[in-house]
C-alpha atoms as a PDB file:
ATOM      1  CA  MET A   1      82.969 239.431 207.589  1.00  0.00           C
ATOM      2  CA  PRO A   2      79.920 238.113 205.723  1.00  0.00           C
ATOM      3  CA  VAL A   3      80.003 238.223 201.952  1.00  0.00           C
ATOM      4  CA  SER A   4      77.295 240.236 200.200  1.00  0.00           C
ATOM      5  CA  ARG A   5      74.946 238.702 197.651  1.00  0.00           C
ATOM      6  CA  ARG A   6      76.673 240.695 194.947  1.00  0.00           C
ATOM      7  CA  GLY A   7      80.030 239.331 196.095  1.00  0.00           C
ATOM      8  CA  GLU A   8      78.733 235.763 196.017  1.00  0.00           C
ATOM      9  CA  ARG A   9      77.204 236.261 192.568  1.00  0.00           C
ATOM     10  CA  LEU A  10      80.416 237.820 191.235  1.00  0.00           C
ATOM     11  CA  SER A  11      82.479 234.956 192.685  1.00  0.00           C
ATOM     12  CA  ARG A  12      80.309 232.401 190.871  1.00  0.00           C
ATOM     13  CA  GLU A  13      80.477 234.397 187.614  1.00  0.00           C
ATOM     14  CA  PHE A  14      84.255 234.779 187.926  1.00  0.00           C
ATOM     15  CA  LEU A  15      84.672 231.064 188.560  1.00  0.00           C
ATOM     16  CA  ARG A  16      82.589 230.150 185.516  1.00  0.00           C
ATOM     17  CA  GLU A  17      84.235 232.706 183.237  1.00  0.00           C
ATOM     18  CA  LEU A  18      87.794 232.025 184.448  1.00  0.00           C
ATOM     19  CA  SER A  19      87.275 228.329 183.774  1.00  0.00           C
ATOM     20  CA  ARG A  20      86.080 229.100 180.258  1.00  0.00           C
ATOM     21  CA  ILE A  21      88.974 231.489 179.526  1.00  0.00           C
ATOM     22  CA  ILE A  22      91.623 229.063 180.800  1.00  0.00           C
ATOM     23  CA  LEU A  23      90.102 226.110 178.976  1.00  0.00           C
ATOM     24  CA  PHE A  24      89.297 227.714 175.614  1.00  0.00           C
ATOM     25  CA  GLU A  25      91.223 230.980 175.262  1.00  0.00           C
ATOM     26  CA  MET A  26      94.655 230.243 176.698  1.00  0.00           C
ATOM     27  CA  LYS A  27      97.069 228.245 174.569  1.00  0.00           C
ATOM     28  CA  ASP A  28     100.075 228.207 176.926  1.00  0.00           C
ATOM     29  CA  PRO A  29     101.753 224.765 176.879  1.00  0.00           C
ATOM     30  CA  ARG A  30     102.858 225.228 180.514  1.00  0.00           C
ATOM     31  CA  LEU A  31      99.264 224.908 181.695  1.00  0.00           C
ATOM     32  CA  GLY A  32      98.505 221.626 183.420  1.00  0.00           C
ATOM     33  CA  PHE A  33      95.144 220.145 184.300  1.00  0.00           C
ATOM     34  CA  ILE A  34      93.492 222.902 186.369  1.00  0.00           C
ATOM     35  CA  THR A  35      90.321 222.995 188.413  1.00  0.00           C
ATOM     36  CA  ILE A  36      89.262 226.303 189.906  1.00  0.00           C
ATOM     37  CA  THR A  37      87.847 225.392 193.300  1.00  0.00           C
ATOM     38  CA  LYS A  38      86.895 228.820 194.599  1.00  0.00           C
ATOM     39  CA  VAL A  39      87.098 232.553 193.894  1.00  0.00           C
ATOM     40  CA  GLU A  40      87.200 234.853 196.912  1.00  0.00           C
ATOM     41  CA  ILE A  41      86.559 238.506 196.078  1.00  0.00           C
ATOM     42  CA  SER A  42      87.542 241.120 198.648  1.00  0.00           C
ATOM     43  CA  PRO A  43      84.736 243.273 200.142  1.00  0.00           C
ATOM     44  CA  ASP A  44      86.009 246.338 198.253  1.00  0.00           C
ATOM     45  CA  TYR A  45      86.084 244.343 194.963  1.00  0.00           C
ATOM     46  CA  ARG A  46      89.712 245.361 194.300  1.00  0.00           C
ATOM     47  CA  SER A  47      91.233 241.892 194.521  1.00  0.00           C
ATOM     48  CA  ALA A  48      90.198 238.301 193.929  1.00  0.00           C
ATOM     49  CA  LYS A  49      91.952 235.213 195.205  1.00  0.00           C
ATOM     50  CA  VAL A  50      91.555 232.328 192.759  1.00  0.00           C
ATOM     51  CA  LEU A  51      92.043 228.968 194.474  1.00  0.00           C
ATOM     52  CA  LEU A  52      93.181 226.154 192.202  1.00  0.00           C
ATOM     53  CA  SER A  53      93.639 222.435 192.188  1.00  0.00           C
ATOM     54  CA  ILE A  54      96.389 221.412 189.749  1.00  0.00           C
ATOM     55  CA  LEU A  55      96.906 217.777 188.854  1.00  0.00           C
ATOM     56  CA  GLY A  56     100.558 216.750 188.968  1.00  0.00           C
ATOM     57  CA  ASP A  57     103.686 217.078 191.030  1.00  0.00           C
ATOM     58  CA  GLU A  58     105.157 220.298 192.452  1.00  0.00           C
ATOM     59  CA  VAL A  59     107.070 221.082 189.252  1.00  0.00           C
ATOM     60  CA  ILE A  60     103.892 220.951 187.146  1.00  0.00           C
ATOM     61  CA  GLN A  61     102.009 222.981 189.750  1.00  0.00           C
ATOM     62  CA  HIS A  62     104.729 225.644 189.846  1.00  0.00           C
ATOM     63  CA  ARG A  63     104.878 225.796 186.033  1.00  0.00           C
ATOM     64  CA  THR A  64     101.087 226.140 185.784  1.00  0.00           C
ATOM     65  CA  LEU A  65     100.963 228.877 188.441  1.00  0.00           C
ATOM     66  CA  SER A  66     103.748 230.714 186.633  1.00  0.00           C
ATOM     67  CA  ALA A  67     101.824 230.552 183.345  1.00  0.00           C
ATOM     68  CA  LEU A  68      98.666 231.879 185.002  1.00  0.00           C
ATOM     69  CA  LYS A  69     100.531 234.729 186.689  1.00  0.00           C
ATOM     70  CA  HIS A  70     102.177 235.593 183.375  1.00  0.00           C
ATOM     71  CA  ALA A  71      98.767 235.661 181.637  1.00  0.00           C
ATOM     72  CA  ARG A  72      97.018 237.623 184.408  1.00  0.00           C
ATOM     73  CA  GLY A  73      96.668 240.764 182.263  1.00  0.00           C
ATOM     74  CA  PHE A  74      95.127 238.825 179.384  1.00  0.00           C
ATOM     75  CA  ILE A  75      92.738 237.017 181.737  1.00  0.00           C
ATOM     76  CA  GLN A  76      91.653 240.267 183.406  1.00  0.00           C
ATOM     77  CA  LYS A  77      91.079 241.891 180.004  1.00  0.00           C
ATOM     78  CA  GLU A  78      88.925 238.943 178.911  1.00  0.00           C
ATOM     79  CA  LEU A  79      86.962 239.076 182.172  1.00  0.00           C
ATOM     80  CA  CYS A  80      86.340 242.806 181.708  1.00  0.00           C
ATOM     81  CA  HIS A  81      85.149 242.264 178.162  1.00  0.00           C
ATOM     82  CA  ASN A  82      82.978 239.201 178.863  1.00  0.00           C
ATOM     83  CA  LEU A  83      81.444 240.285 182.177  1.00  0.00           C
ATOM     84  CA  ARG A  84      81.041 243.932 181.161  1.00  0.00           C
ATOM     85  CA  LEU A  85      82.287 245.370 184.423  1.00  0.00           C
ATOM     86  CA  LYS A  86      83.960 248.768 184.769  1.00  0.00           C
ATOM     87  CA  HIS A  87      86.602 247.481 187.139  1.00  0.00           C
ATOM     88  CA  ILE A  88      87.954 243.965 187.366  1.00  0.00           C
ATOM     89  CA  PRO A  89      89.610 242.910 190.624  1.00  0.00           C
ATOM     90  CA  GLU A  90      93.311 242.141 190.509  1.00  0.00           C
ATOM     91  CA  LEU A  91      93.657 238.356 190.318  1.00  0.00           C
ATOM     92  CA  PHE A  92      95.884 236.345 192.638  1.00  0.00           C
ATOM     93  CA  PHE A  93      96.293 232.642 191.837  1.00  0.00           C
ATOM     94  CA  GLN A  94      97.199 230.091 194.503  1.00  0.00           C
ATOM     95  CA  ILE A  95      96.916 226.392 195.231  1.00  0.00           C
ATOM     96  CA  ASP A  96      93.873 225.449 197.329  1.00  0.00           C
ATOM     97  CA  LYS A  97      95.546 224.245 200.533  1.00  0.00           C
ATOM     98  CA  ASP A  98      92.239 222.968 201.961  1.00  0.00           C
ATOM     99  CA  LEU A  99      91.914 220.492 199.107  1.00  0.00           C
ATOM    100  CA  VAL A 100      95.555 219.387 199.456  1.00  0.00           C
ATOM    101  CA  GLU A 101      95.072 218.880 203.195  1.00  0.00           C
ATOM    102  CA  ALA A 102      91.845 216.909 202.670  1.00  0.00           C
ATOM    103  CA  MET A 103      93.630 214.605 200.199  1.00  0.00           C
ATOM    104  CA  ARG A 104      96.477 214.080 202.679  1.00  0.00           C
ATOM    105  CA  VAL A 105      94.037 213.159 205.483  1.00  0.00           C
ATOM    106  CA  SER A 106      92.219 210.778 203.130  1.00  0.00           C
ATOM    107  CA  GLU A 107      95.505 209.059 202.229  1.00  0.00           C
ATOM    108  CA  LEU A 108      96.389 208.707 205.926  1.00  0.00           C
ATOM    109  CA  LEU A 109      92.985 207.184 206.707  1.00  0.00           C
ATOM    110  CA  ASN A 110      93.359 204.719 203.815  1.00  0.00           C
ATOM    111  CA  ALA A 111      96.816 203.714 205.080  1.00  0.00           C
ATOM    112  CA  ILE A 112      95.447 203.139 208.594  1.00  0.00           C
ATOM    113  CA  GLU A 113      92.584 201.076 207.178  1.00  0.00           C
ATOM    114  CA  LYS A 114      95.011 198.887 205.195  1.00  0.00           C
ATOM    115  CA  GLU A 115      97.232 198.472 208.237  1.00  0.00           C
ATOM    116  CA  ASN A 116      94.280 197.406 210.389  1.00  0.00           C
ATOM    117  CA  ALA A 117      93.114 194.959 207.712  1.00  0.00           C
ATOM    118  CA  GLN A 118      96.580 193.352 207.603  1.00  0.00           C
ATOM    119  CA  GLU A 119      96.738 193.009 211.418  1.00  0.00           C
ATOM    120  CA  THR A 120      93.394 191.178 211.586  1.00  0.00           C
ATOM    121  CA  PRO A 121      93.326 188.853 208.561  1.00  0.00           C
ATOM    122  CA  GLY A 122      90.414 186.743 209.849  1.00  0.00           C
ATOM    123  CA  ALA A 123      88.067 189.719 210.214  1.00  0.00           C
ATOM    124  CA  GLU A 124      86.973 189.731 206.573  1.00  0.00           C
ATOM    125  CA  PRO A 125      86.657 186.475 204.632  1.00  0.00           C
ATOM    126  CA  ASP A 126      88.367 186.393 201.256  1.00  0.00           C
ATOM    127  CA  ALA A 127      86.355 185.698 198.123  1.00  0.00           C
ATOM    128  CA  GLU A 128      88.686 182.748 197.375  1.00  0.00           C
ATOM    129  CA  ASN A 129      87.883 181.038 200.680  1.00  0.00           C
ATOM    130  CA  GLU A 130      84.162 181.392 200.107  1.00  0.00           C
ATOM    131  CA  SER A 131      84.332 179.909 196.609  1.00  0.00           C
ATOM    132  CA  GLU A 132      86.403 176.898 197.842  1.00  0.00           C
ATOM    133  CA  SER A 133      83.905 176.108 200.594  1.00  0.00           C
ATOM    134  CA  GLU A 134      81.042 176.088 198.072  1.00  0.00           C
ATOM    135  CA  ASP A 135      82.604 173.194 196.079  1.00  0.00           C
END
């Protein structure tokens, strides 16, 4: 279902404001390094899925998600106050699986590239060999 202009505008505003609230208003030590990658607001504006990228291992990611879920009421109150909306969608925080998958594919491609470079050592001349031949 296509997203309305209002929905797109609200998603951008939510992303900007959520980033500001998490960065400057929240003081929870469980919060890791967070990047909000996308906010998807439902067509009826009752719920919003906040997709996150969290730097760190699974323990840090779980701890950060737990802190955000615990602070959901505070975050929604701040959004209501700052965006001046009558109703704020219920927030649902989750890890952005698309970003995780893209990173995994990138790592696999890098591993294949290294493997191919090791199998054909004469394909690319080393900088050391070039400097020796110049002398």
